[in-house]
């Protein structure tokens, strides 16, 4: 499957975080819930080689979201970090799969 639609969504969310981080707490709350639910179960994220960049861009967005300072509750920060690390490590639980664009 094509990961581009997911890239567009991540780009959109990243732009929204930058634009509303200081003046729109309700939208930041919605983004927080979207990000938390996106990384709640690492096994639901694709293991396809073409999804590698999308997965780690999502995790980078989550880290950026934490750096905005919107999340101040230590328990919530720990939950975010735990899920981010779990999703990152989950990528490596299967043997490496290589994608050769020239193969058919």
PDB file of N, CA and C in Angstrom:
ATOM      1  N   UNK A   1       0.828  -1.193   0.000  1.00  0.00           N
ATOM      2  CA  UNK A   1       0.000   0.000   0.000  1.00  0.00           C
ATOM      3  C   UNK A   1       0.872   1.256   0.000  1.00  0.00           C
ATOM      4  N   UNK A   2       0.317   2.311  -0.489  1.00  0.00           N
ATOM      5  CA  UNK A   2       1.038   3.572  -0.642  1.00  0.00           C
ATOM      6  C   UNK A   2       1.012   4.370   0.664  1.00  0.00           C
ATOM      7  N   UNK A   3       2.172   4.711   1.221  1.00  0.00           N
ATOM      8  CA  UNK A   3       2.201   5.460   2.479  1.00  0.00           C
ATOM      9  C   UNK A   3       2.012   6.973   2.321  1.00  0.00           C
ATOM     10  N   UNK A   4       1.915   7.478   1.086  1.00  0.00           N
ATOM     11  CA  UNK A   4       1.843   8.924   0.883  1.00  0.00           C
ATOM     12  C   UNK A   4       0.669   9.607   1.592  1.00  0.00           C
ATOM     13  N   UNK A   5      -0.537   9.029   1.588  1.00  0.00           N
ATOM     14  CA  UNK A   5      -1.626   9.705   2.314  1.00  0.00           C
ATOM     15  C   UNK A   5      -1.301   9.917   3.791  1.00  0.00           C
ATOM     16  N   UNK A   6      -0.604   8.961   4.384  1.00  0.00           N
ATOM     17  CA  UNK A   6      -0.224   9.108   5.785  1.00  0.00           C
ATOM     18  C   UNK A   6       0.814  10.219   5.955  1.00  0.00           C
ATOM     19  N   UNK A   7       1.698  10.339   4.988  1.00  0.00           N
ATOM     20  CA  UNK A   7       2.686  11.428   5.028  1.00  0.00           C
ATOM     21  C   UNK A   7       1.997  12.784   4.983  1.00  0.00           C
ATOM     22  N   UNK A   8       0.977  12.899   4.138  1.00  0.00           N
ATOM     23  CA  UNK A   8       0.239  14.160   4.041  1.00  0.00           C
ATOM     24  C   UNK A   8      -0.439  14.498   5.364  1.00  0.00           C
ATOM     25  N   UNK A   9      -1.013  13.500   5.996  1.00  0.00           N
ATOM     26  CA  UNK A   9      -1.677  13.724   7.278  1.00  0.00           C
ATOM     27  C   UNK A   9      -0.660  14.147   8.347  1.00  0.00           C
ATOM     28  N   UNK A  10       0.483  13.504   8.377  1.00  0.00           N
ATOM     29  CA  UNK A  10       1.521  13.878   9.344  1.00  0.00           C
ATOM     30  C   UNK A  10       2.003  15.301   9.081  1.00  0.00           C
ATOM     31  N   UNK A  11       2.194  15.652   7.814  1.00  0.00           N
ATOM     32  CA  UNK A  11       2.595  17.023   7.469  1.00  0.00           C
ATOM     33  C   UNK A  11       1.553  18.033   7.949  1.00  0.00           C
ATOM     34  N   UNK A  12       0.282  17.709   7.718  1.00  0.00           N
ATOM     35  CA  UNK A  12      -0.795  18.593   8.139  1.00  0.00           C
ATOM     36  C   UNK A  12      -0.779  18.781   9.658  1.00  0.00           C
ATOM     37  N   UNK A  13      -0.663  17.691  10.395  1.00  0.00           N
ATOM     38  CA  UNK A  13      -0.644  17.785  11.854  1.00  0.00           C
ATOM     39  C   UNK A  13       0.568  18.565  12.349  1.00  0.00           C
ATOM     40  N   UNK A  14       1.686  18.372  11.689  1.00  0.00           N
ATOM     41  CA  UNK A  14       2.895  19.104  12.091  1.00  0.00           C
ATOM     42  C   UNK A  14       2.704  20.611  11.889  1.00  0.00           C
ATOM     43  N   UNK A  15       2.111  20.986  10.779  1.00  0.00           N
ATOM     44  CA  UNK A  15       1.833  22.402  10.540  1.00  0.00           C
ATOM     45  C   UNK A  15       0.852  22.957  11.582  1.00  0.00           C
ATOM     46  N   UNK A  16      -0.162  22.177  11.913  1.00  0.00           N
ATOM     47  CA  UNK A  16      -1.145  22.625  12.900  1.00  0.00           C
ATOM     48  C   UNK A  16      -0.496  22.820  14.259  1.00  0.00           C
ATOM     49  N   UNK A  17       0.391  21.923  14.652  1.00  0.00           N
ATOM     50  CA  UNK A  17       1.072  22.052  15.943  1.00  0.00           C
ATOM     51  C   UNK A  17       1.864  23.351  15.975  1.00  0.00           C
ATOM     52  N   UNK A  18       2.557  23.651  14.905  1.00  0.00           N
ATOM     53  CA  UNK A  18       3.360  24.876  14.847  1.00  0.00           C
ATOM     54  C   UNK A  18       2.458  26.109  14.933  1.00  0.00           C
ATOM     55  N   UNK A  19       1.335  26.075  14.221  1.00  0.00           N
ATOM     56  CA  UNK A  19       0.458  27.242  14.166  1.00  0.00           C
ATOM     57  C   UNK A  19      -0.344  27.491  15.437  1.00  0.00           C
ATOM     58  N   UNK A  20      -0.747  26.443  16.129  1.00  0.00           N
ATOM     59  CA  UNK A  20      -1.682  26.626  17.245  1.00  0.00           C
ATOM     60  C   UNK A  20      -1.086  26.347  18.623  1.00  0.00           C
ATOM     61  N   UNK A  21       0.193  26.057  18.688  1.00  0.00           N
ATOM     62  CA  UNK A  21       0.766  25.618  19.966  1.00  0.00           C
ATOM     63  C   UNK A  21       0.625  26.632  21.098  1.00  0.00           C
ATOM     64  N   UNK A  22       0.589  27.905  20.801  1.00  0.00           N
ATOM     65  CA  UNK A  22       0.526  28.924  21.856  1.00  0.00           C
ATOM     66  C   UNK A  22      -0.867  29.496  22.094  1.00  0.00           C
ATOM     67  N   UNK A  23      -1.751  29.379  21.097  1.00  0.00           N
ATOM     68  CA  UNK A  23      -3.009  30.122  21.238  1.00  0.00           C
ATOM     69  C   UNK A  23      -4.284  29.307  21.037  1.00  0.00           C
ATOM     70  N   UNK A  24      -4.192  28.001  20.943  1.00  0.00           N
ATOM     71  CA  UNK A  24      -5.414  27.225  20.752  1.00  0.00           C
ATOM     72  C   UNK A  24      -5.330  25.900  21.515  1.00  0.00           C
ATOM     73  N   UNK A  25      -5.551  25.939  22.825  1.00  0.00           N
ATOM     74  CA  UNK A  25      -5.432  24.729  23.634  1.00  0.00           C
ATOM     75  C   UNK A  25      -6.408  23.621  23.243  1.00  0.00           C
ATOM     76  N   UNK A  26      -7.585  23.989  22.763  1.00  0.00           N
ATOM     77  CA  UNK A  26      -8.555  22.940  22.412  1.00  0.00           C
ATOM     78  C   UNK A  26      -8.066  22.137  21.200  1.00  0.00           C
ATOM     79  N   UNK A  27      -7.471  22.813  20.222  1.00  0.00           N
ATOM     80  CA  UNK A  27      -6.949  22.094  19.066  1.00  0.00           C
ATOM     81  C   UNK A  27      -5.723  21.266  19.452  1.00  0.00           C
ATOM     82  N   UNK A  28      -4.901  21.786  20.350  1.00  0.00           N
ATOM     83  CA  UNK A  28      -3.753  21.014  20.828  1.00  0.00           C
ATOM     84  C   UNK A  28      -4.232  19.755  21.556  1.00  0.00           C
ATOM     85  N   UNK A  29      -5.324  19.865  22.269  1.00  0.00           N
ATOM     86  CA  UNK A  29      -5.878  18.706  22.965  1.00  0.00           C
ATOM     87  C   UNK A  29      -6.335  17.627  21.978  1.00  0.00           C
ATOM     88  N   UNK A  30      -6.963  18.063  20.896  1.00  0.00           N
ATOM     89  CA  UNK A  30      -7.407  17.121  19.864  1.00  0.00           C
ATOM     90  C   UNK A  30      -6.194  16.444  19.225  1.00  0.00           C
ATOM     91  N   UNK A  31      -5.169  17.223  18.913  1.00  0.00           N
ATOM     92  CA  UNK A  31      -3.956  16.659  18.311  1.00  0.00           C
ATOM     93  C   UNK A  31      -3.301  15.680  19.281  1.00  0.00           C
ATOM     94  N   UNK A  32      -3.275  16.027  20.557  1.00  0.00           N
ATOM     95  CA  UNK A  32      -2.691  15.136  21.561  1.00  0.00           C
ATOM     96  C   UNK A  32      -3.413  13.785  21.552  1.00  0.00           C
ATOM     97  N   UNK A  33      -4.733  13.810  21.540  1.00  0.00           N
ATOM     98  CA  UNK A  33      -5.492  12.556  21.528  1.00  0.00           C
ATOM     99  C   UNK A  33      -5.244  11.765  20.246  1.00  0.00           C
ATOM    100  N   UNK A  34      -5.145  12.460  19.116  1.00  0.00           N
ATOM    101  CA  UNK A  34      -4.876  11.781  17.851  1.00  0.00           C
ATOM    102  C   UNK A  34      -3.511  11.100  17.883  1.00  0.00           C
ATOM    103  N   UNK A  35      -2.511  11.807  18.389  1.00  0.00           N
ATOM    104  CA  UNK A  35      -1.169  11.235  18.434  1.00  0.00           C
ATOM    105  C   UNK A  35      -1.107  10.055  19.399  1.00  0.00           C
ATOM    106  N   UNK A  36      -1.701  10.223  20.578  1.00  0.00           N
ATOM    107  CA  UNK A  36      -1.683   9.127  21.552  1.00  0.00           C
ATOM    108  C   UNK A  36      -2.383   7.883  21.019  1.00  0.00           C
ATOM    109  N   UNK A  37      -3.503   8.072  20.355  1.00  0.00           N
ATOM    110  CA  UNK A  37      -4.200   6.897  19.818  1.00  0.00           C
ATOM    111  C   UNK A  37      -3.445   6.283  18.645  1.00  0.00           C
ATOM    112  N   UNK A  38      -2.714   7.100  17.901  1.00  0.00           N
ATOM    113  CA  UNK A  38      -1.938   6.590  16.764  1.00  0.00           C
ATOM    114  C   UNK A  38      -0.801   5.687  17.197  1.00  0.00           C
ATOM    115  N   UNK A  39      -0.258   5.954  18.377  1.00  0.00           N
ATOM    116  CA  UNK A  39       0.884   5.158  18.830  1.00  0.00           C
ATOM    117  C   UNK A  39       0.527   4.250  20.007  1.00  0.00           C
ATOM    118  N   UNK A  40      -0.763   4.020  20.227  1.00  0.00           N
ATOM    119  CA  UNK A  40      -1.185   3.228  21.383  1.00  0.00           C
ATOM    120  C   UNK A  40      -0.838   1.748  21.249  1.00  0.00           C
ATOM    121  N   UNK A  41      -0.828   1.214  20.039  1.00  0.00           N
ATOM    122  CA  UNK A  41      -0.547  -0.198  19.825  1.00  0.00           C
ATOM    123  C   UNK A  41       0.445  -0.343  18.677  1.00  0.00           C
ATOM    124  N   UNK A  42       1.715  -0.567  18.993  1.00  0.00           N
ATOM    125  CA  UNK A  42       2.731  -0.659  17.937  1.00  0.00           C
ATOM    126  C   UNK A  42       2.438  -1.733  16.893  1.00  0.00           C
ATOM    127  N   UNK A  43       1.748  -2.805  17.290  1.00  0.00           N
ATOM    128  CA  UNK A  43       1.480  -3.888  16.338  1.00  0.00           C
ATOM    129  C   UNK A  43       0.498  -3.464  15.243  1.00  0.00           C
ATOM    130  N   UNK A  44      -0.215  -2.358  15.450  1.00  0.00           N
ATOM    131  CA  UNK A  44      -1.145  -1.872  14.425  1.00  0.00           C
ATOM    132  C   UNK A  44      -0.453  -1.027  13.364  1.00  0.00           C
ATOM    133  N   UNK A  45       0.790  -0.637  13.617  1.00  0.00           N
ATOM    134  CA  UNK A  45       1.545   0.116  12.616  1.00  0.00           C
ATOM    135  C   UNK A  45       2.125  -0.861  11.595  1.00  0.00           C
ATOM    136  N   UNK A  46       2.151  -0.447  10.359  1.00  0.00           N
ATOM    137  CA  UNK A  46       2.598  -1.313   9.280  1.00  0.00           C
ATOM    138  C   UNK A  46       4.060  -1.716   9.446  1.00  0.00           C
ATOM    139  N   UNK A  47       4.355  -2.944   9.047  1.00  0.00           N
ATOM    140  CA  UNK A  47       5.724  -3.451   9.040  1.00  0.00           C
ATOM    141  C   UNK A  47       6.305  -3.465   7.621  1.00  0.00           C
ATOM    142  N   UNK A  48       5.557  -2.936   6.664  1.00  0.00           N
ATOM    143  CA  UNK A  48       6.040  -2.912   5.285  1.00  0.00           C
ATOM    144  C   UNK A  48       7.271  -2.013   5.172  1.00  0.00           C
ATOM    145  N   UNK A  49       8.264  -2.429   4.397  1.00  0.00           N
ATOM    146  CA  UNK A  49       9.469  -1.598   4.255  1.00  0.00           C
ATOM    147  C   UNK A  49       9.175  -0.172   3.794  1.00  0.00           C
ATOM    148  N   UNK A  50       8.151   0.001   2.974  1.00  0.00           N
ATOM    149  CA  UNK A  50       7.836   1.344   2.469  1.00  0.00           C
ATOM    150  C   UNK A  50       7.249   2.244   3.559  1.00  0.00           C
ATOM    151  N   UNK A  51       6.875   1.665   4.693  1.00  0.00           N
ATOM    152  CA  UNK A  51       6.276   2.467   5.765  1.00  0.00           C
ATOM    153  C   UNK A  51       7.299   2.945   6.797  1.00  0.00           C
ATOM    154  N   UNK A  52       8.546   2.596   6.624  1.00  0.00           N
ATOM    155  CA  UNK A  52       9.580   2.970   7.596  1.00  0.00           C
ATOM    156  C   UNK A  52       9.615   4.477   7.838  1.00  0.00           C
ATOM    157  N   UNK A  53       9.688   5.252   6.780  1.00  0.00           N
ATOM    158  CA  UNK A  53       9.781   6.708   6.927  1.00  0.00           C
ATOM    159  C   UNK A  53       8.540   7.284   7.586  1.00  0.00           C
ATOM    160  N   UNK A  54       7.382   6.755   7.239  1.00  0.00           N
ATOM    161  CA  UNK A  54       6.132   7.264   7.811  1.00  0.00           C
ATOM    162  C   UNK A  54       6.091   6.995   9.312  1.00  0.00           C
ATOM    163  N   UNK A  55       6.478   5.801   9.709  1.00  0.00           N
ATOM    164  CA  UNK A  55       6.466   5.457  11.132  1.00  0.00           C
ATOM    165  C   UNK A  55       7.346   6.411  11.928  1.00  0.00           C
ATOM    166  N   UNK A  56       8.562   6.616  11.452  1.00  0.00           N
ATOM    167  CA  UNK A  56       9.481   7.443  12.222  1.00  0.00           C
ATOM    168  C   UNK A  56       9.165   8.936  12.109  1.00  0.00           C
ATOM    169  N   UNK A  57       8.498   9.353  11.043  1.00  0.00           N
ATOM    170  CA  UNK A  57       8.016  10.740  10.979  1.00  0.00           C
ATOM    171  C   UNK A  57       6.899  10.959  11.986  1.00  0.00           C
ATOM    172  N   UNK A  58       6.047   9.956  12.163  1.00  0.00           N
ATOM    173  CA  UNK A  58       5.006  10.036  13.182  1.00  0.00           C
ATOM    174  C   UNK A  58       5.623  10.147  14.578  1.00  0.00           C
ATOM    175  N   UNK A  59       6.625   9.346  14.830  1.00  0.00           N
ATOM    176  CA  UNK A  59       7.276   9.385  16.142  1.00  0.00           C
ATOM    177  C   UNK A  59       8.004  10.708  16.353  1.00  0.00           C
ATOM    178  N   UNK A  60       8.600  11.230  15.302  1.00  0.00           N
ATOM    179  CA  UNK A  60       9.250  12.537  15.390  1.00  0.00           C
ATOM    180  C   UNK A  60       8.219  13.632  15.681  1.00  0.00           C
ATOM    181  N   UNK A  61       7.057  13.539  15.060  1.00  0.00           N
ATOM    182  CA  UNK A  61       5.988  14.495  15.336  1.00  0.00           C
ATOM    183  C   UNK A  61       5.565  14.416  16.802  1.00  0.00           C
ATOM    184  N   UNK A  62       5.466  13.217  17.333  1.00  0.00           N
ATOM    185  CA  UNK A  62       5.119  13.060  18.753  1.00  0.00           C
ATOM    186  C   UNK A  62       6.174  13.706  19.642  1.00  0.00           C
ATOM    187  N   UNK A  63       7.441  13.527  19.312  1.00  0.00           N
ATOM    188  CA  UNK A  63       8.507  14.151  20.093  1.00  0.00           C
ATOM    189  C   UNK A  63       8.420  15.676  19.995  1.00  0.00           C
ATOM    190  N   UNK A  64       8.171  16.177  18.795  1.00  0.00           N
ATOM    191  CA  UNK A  64       8.032  17.621  18.605  1.00  0.00           C
ATOM    192  C   UNK A  64       6.847  18.151  19.422  1.00  0.00           C
ATOM    193  N   UNK A  65       5.755  17.402  19.430  1.00  0.00           N
ATOM    194  CA  UNK A  65       4.591  17.801  20.200  1.00  0.00           C
ATOM    195  C   UNK A  65       4.958  17.939  21.673  1.00  0.00           C
ATOM    196  N   UNK A  66       5.722  17.003  22.199  1.00  0.00           N
ATOM    197  CA  UNK A  66       6.151  17.093  23.600  1.00  0.00           C
ATOM    198  C   UNK A  66       7.042  18.308  23.836  1.00  0.00           C
ATOM    199  N   UNK A  67       7.857  18.649  22.858  1.00  0.00           N
ATOM    200  CA  UNK A  67       8.775  19.777  23.007  1.00  0.00           C
ATOM    201  C   UNK A  67       8.060  21.125  23.001  1.00  0.00           C
ATOM    202  N   UNK A  68       6.807  21.165  22.574  1.00  0.00           N
ATOM    203  CA  UNK A  68       6.078  22.433  22.579  1.00  0.00           C
ATOM    204  C   UNK A  68       5.791  22.904  24.000  1.00  0.00           C
ATOM    205  N   UNK A  69       5.827  21.994  24.952  1.00  0.00           N
ATOM    206  CA  UNK A  69       5.525  22.354  26.331  1.00  0.00           C
ATOM    207  C   UNK A  69       4.047  22.296  26.657  1.00  0.00           C
ATOM    208  N   UNK A  70       3.215  21.890  25.698  1.00  0.00           N
ATOM    209  CA  UNK A  70       1.781  21.802  25.947  1.00  0.00           C
ATOM    210  C   UNK A  70       1.490  20.753  27.023  1.00  0.00           C
ATOM    211  N   UNK A  71       2.177  19.617  26.926  1.00  0.00           N
ATOM    212  CA  UNK A  71       1.976  18.548  27.899  1.00  0.00           C
ATOM    213  C   UNK A  71       2.886  18.829  29.098  1.00  0.00           C
ATOM    214  N   UNK A  72       2.277  19.065  30.248  1.00  0.00           N
ATOM    215  CA  UNK A  72       3.059  19.375  31.444  1.00  0.00           C
ATOM    216  C   UNK A  72       2.962  18.279  32.501  1.00  0.00           C
ATOM    217  N   UNK A  73       1.965  17.429  32.385  1.00  0.00           N
ATOM    218  CA  UNK A  73       1.785  16.349  33.348  1.00  0.00           C
ATOM    219  C   UNK A  73       2.854  15.277  33.128  1.00  0.00           C
ATOM    220  N   UNK A  74       3.633  15.003  34.176  1.00  0.00           N
ATOM    221  CA  UNK A  74       4.740  14.043  34.065  1.00  0.00           C
ATOM    222  C   UNK A  74       4.260  12.651  33.656  1.00  0.00           C
ATOM    223  N   UNK A  75       3.105  12.248  34.157  1.00  0.00           N
ATOM    224  CA  UNK A  75       2.571  10.928  33.809  1.00  0.00           C
ATOM    225  C   UNK A  75       2.254  10.856  32.323  1.00  0.00           C
ATOM    226  N   UNK A  76       1.679  11.928  31.783  1.00  0.00           N
ATOM    227  CA  UNK A  76       1.350  11.961  30.359  1.00  0.00           C
ATOM    228  C   UNK A  76       2.617  11.987  29.506  1.00  0.00           C
ATOM    229  N   UNK A  77       3.614  12.710  29.940  1.00  0.00           N
ATOM    230  CA  UNK A  77       4.887  12.739  29.211  1.00  0.00           C
ATOM    231  C   UNK A  77       5.507  11.344  29.197  1.00  0.00           C
ATOM    232  N   UNK A  78       5.484  10.672  30.339  1.00  0.00           N
ATOM    233  CA  UNK A  78       6.023   9.315  30.412  1.00  0.00           C
ATOM    234  C   UNK A  78       5.243   8.357  29.516  1.00  0.00           C
ATOM    235  N   UNK A  79       3.910   8.513  29.464  1.00  0.00           N
ATOM    236  CA  UNK A  79       3.096   7.676  28.590  1.00  0.00           C
ATOM    237  C   UNK A  79       3.473   7.893  27.132  1.00  0.00           C
ATOM    238  N   UNK A  80       3.593   9.149  26.733  1.00  0.00           N
ATOM    239  CA  UNK A  80       4.030   9.468  25.369  1.00  0.00           C
ATOM    240  C   UNK A  80       5.378   8.809  25.074  1.00  0.00           C
ATOM    241  N   UNK A  81       6.341   9.010  25.958  1.00  0.00           N
ATOM    242  CA  UNK A  81       7.689   8.487  25.721  1.00  0.00           C
ATOM    243  C   UNK A  81       7.697   6.956  25.652  1.00  0.00           C
ATOM    244  N   UNK A  82       6.949   6.334  26.534  1.00  0.00           N
ATOM    245  CA  UNK A  82       6.866   4.870  26.528  1.00  0.00           C
ATOM    246  C   UNK A  82       6.312   4.367  25.201  1.00  0.00           C
ATOM    247  N   UNK A  83       5.255   5.018  24.728  1.00  0.00           N
ATOM    248  CA  UNK A  83       4.647   4.592  23.461  1.00  0.00           C
ATOM    249  C   UNK A  83       5.549   4.896  22.268  1.00  0.00           C
ATOM    250  N   UNK A  84       6.229   6.024  22.306  1.00  0.00           N
ATOM    251  CA  UNK A  84       7.156   6.371  21.220  1.00  0.00           C
ATOM    252  C   UNK A  84       8.255   5.320  21.128  1.00  0.00           C
ATOM    253  N   UNK A  85       8.872   4.996  22.260  1.00  0.00           N
ATOM    254  CA  UNK A  85       9.941   3.995  22.260  1.00  0.00           C
ATOM    255  C   UNK A  85       9.415   2.624  21.842  1.00  0.00           C
ATOM    256  N   UNK A  86       8.234   2.254  22.306  1.00  0.00           N
ATOM    257  CA  UNK A  86       7.661   0.954  21.941  1.00  0.00           C
ATOM    258  C   UNK A  86       7.433   0.855  20.435  1.00  0.00           C
ATOM    259  N   UNK A  87       6.940   1.931  19.833  1.00  0.00           N
ATOM    260  CA  UNK A  87       6.710   1.928  18.382  1.00  0.00           C
ATOM    261  C   UNK A  87       8.022   1.890  17.602  1.00  0.00           C
ATOM    262  N   UNK A  88       9.029   2.582  18.117  1.00  0.00           N
ATOM    263  CA  UNK A  88      10.323   2.574  17.442  1.00  0.00           C
ATOM    264  C   UNK A  88      10.961   1.192  17.527  1.00  0.00           C
ATOM    265  N   UNK A  89      10.953   0.608  18.700  1.00  0.00           N
ATOM    266  CA  UNK A  89      11.576  -0.705  18.892  1.00  0.00           C
ATOM    267  C   UNK A  89      10.802  -1.794  18.158  1.00  0.00           C
ATOM    268  N   UNK A  90       9.483  -1.633  18.057  1.00  0.00           N
ATOM    269  CA  UNK A  90       8.655  -2.625  17.371  1.00  0.00           C
ATOM    270  C   UNK A  90       9.088  -2.829  15.921  1.00  0.00           C
ATOM    271  N   UNK A  91       9.595  -1.792  15.290  1.00  0.00           N
ATOM    272  CA  UNK A  91      10.034  -1.906  13.902  1.00  0.00           C
ATOM    273  C   UNK A  91      11.094  -2.992  13.755  1.00  0.00           C
ATOM    274  N   UNK A  92      11.904  -3.184  14.785  1.00  0.00           N
ATOM    275  CA  UNK A  92      13.038  -4.092  14.706  1.00  0.00           C
ATOM    276  C   UNK A  92      12.742  -5.496  15.217  1.00  0.00           C
ATOM    277  N   UNK A  93      11.498  -5.799  15.548  1.00  0.00           N
ATOM    278  CA  UNK A  93      11.198  -7.126  16.093  1.00  0.00           C
ATOM    279  C   UNK A  93      11.181  -8.212  15.025  1.00  0.00           C
ATOM    280  N   UNK A  94      10.991  -7.834  13.777  1.00  0.00           N
ATOM    281  CA  UNK A  94      11.015  -8.798  12.678  1.00  0.00           C
ATOM    282  C   UNK A  94      12.371  -8.730  11.980  1.00  0.00           C
ATOM    283  N   UNK A  95      12.755  -9.814  11.325  1.00  0.00           N
ATOM    284  CA  UNK A  95      14.015  -9.772  10.568  1.00  0.00           C
ATOM    285  C   UNK A  95      13.948  -8.688   9.495  1.00  0.00           C
ATOM    286  N   UNK A  96      15.091  -8.143   9.121  1.00  0.00           N
ATOM    287  CA  UNK A  96      15.094  -7.069   8.113  1.00  0.00           C
ATOM    288  C   UNK A  96      14.475  -7.536   6.795  1.00  0.00           C
ATOM    289  N   UNK A  97      13.666  -6.652   6.224  1.00  0.00           N
ATOM    290  CA  UNK A  97      13.104  -6.882   4.895  1.00  0.00           C
ATOM    291  C   UNK A  97      13.610  -5.755   4.009  1.00  0.00           C
ATOM    292  N   UNK A  98      14.096  -6.117   2.864  1.00  0.00           N
ATOM    293  CA  UNK A  98      14.653  -5.111   1.969  1.00  0.00           C
ATOM    294  C   UNK A  98      13.717  -4.913   0.803  1.00  0.00           C
ATOM    295  N   UNK A  99      13.592  -3.685   0.433  1.00  0.00           N
ATOM    296  CA  UNK A  99      12.712  -3.334  -0.682  1.00  0.00           C
ATOM    297  C   UNK A  99      13.580  -2.951  -1.862  1.00  0.00           C
ATOM    298  N   UNK A 100      13.407  -3.664  -2.942  1.00  0.00           N
ATOM    299  CA  UNK A 100      14.160  -3.365  -4.161  1.00  0.00           C
ATOM    300  C   UNK A 100      13.182  -2.788  -5.171  1.00  0.00           C
ATOM    301  N   UNK A 101      13.270  -1.450  -5.423  1.00  0.00           N
ATOM    302  CA  UNK A 101      12.331  -0.828  -6.346  1.00  0.00           C
ATOM    303  C   UNK A 101      12.384  -1.426  -7.756  1.00  0.00           C
ATOM    304  N   UNK A 102      13.503  -2.069  -8.120  1.00  0.00           N
ATOM    305  CA  UNK A 102      13.629  -2.626  -9.451  1.00  0.00           C
ATOM    306  C   UNK A 102      13.018  -4.002  -9.602  1.00  0.00           C
ATOM    307  N   UNK A 103      12.684  -4.651  -8.499  1.00  0.00           N
ATOM    308  CA  UNK A 103      12.108  -6.000  -8.592  1.00  0.00           C
ATOM    309  C   UNK A 103      10.618  -5.904  -8.907  1.00  0.00           C
ATOM    310  N   UNK A 104      10.106  -6.929  -9.528  1.00  0.00           N
ATOM    311  CA  UNK A 104       8.677  -6.948  -9.881  1.00  0.00           C
ATOM    312  C   UNK A 104       8.002  -8.120  -9.252  1.00  0.00           C
TER     313      UNK A 104
END
